[in-house]
Amino acid sequence: MTTTRPSGSEPWRKRLYVPNYQIGEAARYARLSRQTITAWHRYGARRALSAKEHRLALSYLQLIEVAVVASMRGSGISLSEIRETREYASKTWKSDYPFAEHRFKTDGRSLFLDFLEVEGRKGRGTLIRPGRGGQLAWADILGRLKEFHYEREGIVIRWHVAGPESDILIDPRVAFGSPHIDGTPTWVIKSRFDAGESLDEISDDFDLEERQVQEALAFEGIEPDLLRTWVH
């Protein structure tokens, strides 16, 4: 199997391919069931997600593919459209992780890819519809998948894992890809809270706003009622 590698020699890029996220973690982050993620990896060439070895954890790129497909489904895109898009993109651009390596747009029914990514400047203003065999379309105002930020090469480099307005990010360059808020992993904030520290103490130690601490704790499953008992 051909593996697409991002350009650049920064050490963190090697972590893009390391199995680091359990299916349960991916399910929680993408607000899906484990069964859904497993099903999306099936059906051979017609699967919604790229190939995954049985029982192996997900890499960063595989996690992002799960997140992007979940976002596509939430935008109203059918699984058949997603499968056709993945099949076309992976074959045409020899990409193992097309949903993590290319920028897609949607009109709520179909998926489109900027032709600019493939053809450079001569493709400006034109879109490809991979789910229809690379059919061309003029660029209208289409919705982007807002919770994802891309490098110049097209790779998803940051995921607003708790929603586009949230400060909680997954970024392979920070905290070894753990969900974090301003560089502090959310699990670290939860461990301090579980040890009995107040929101004020945690905020001071990590130079965070109290609302950020609360957001991190809520992401880690701390109930709002329990949080209120610690507000001074």
Foldseek 3Di string as FASTA:
>chain_A
DDADQDDDDDPLSVQQAAQDAALVRLCLLLVHDSVVLVQQQDDPLQHLAFHDDPPTHGGNLRSQSSNQVSLLVVLQEDSNQSSQLVSQCCVVVVYRRDSQQFWWFDQSYFIWGQCCLVPNPVSPQKIFGSSVVRDIDGDDDTHGSQQFDADPRHGTAWGPSVDNVAQWIQGSVAPNRATDHPRHHLVVLVVVVVVPDALVVSCVVVVHDSVNSVVSVVSVPDDPVVNVVRDD
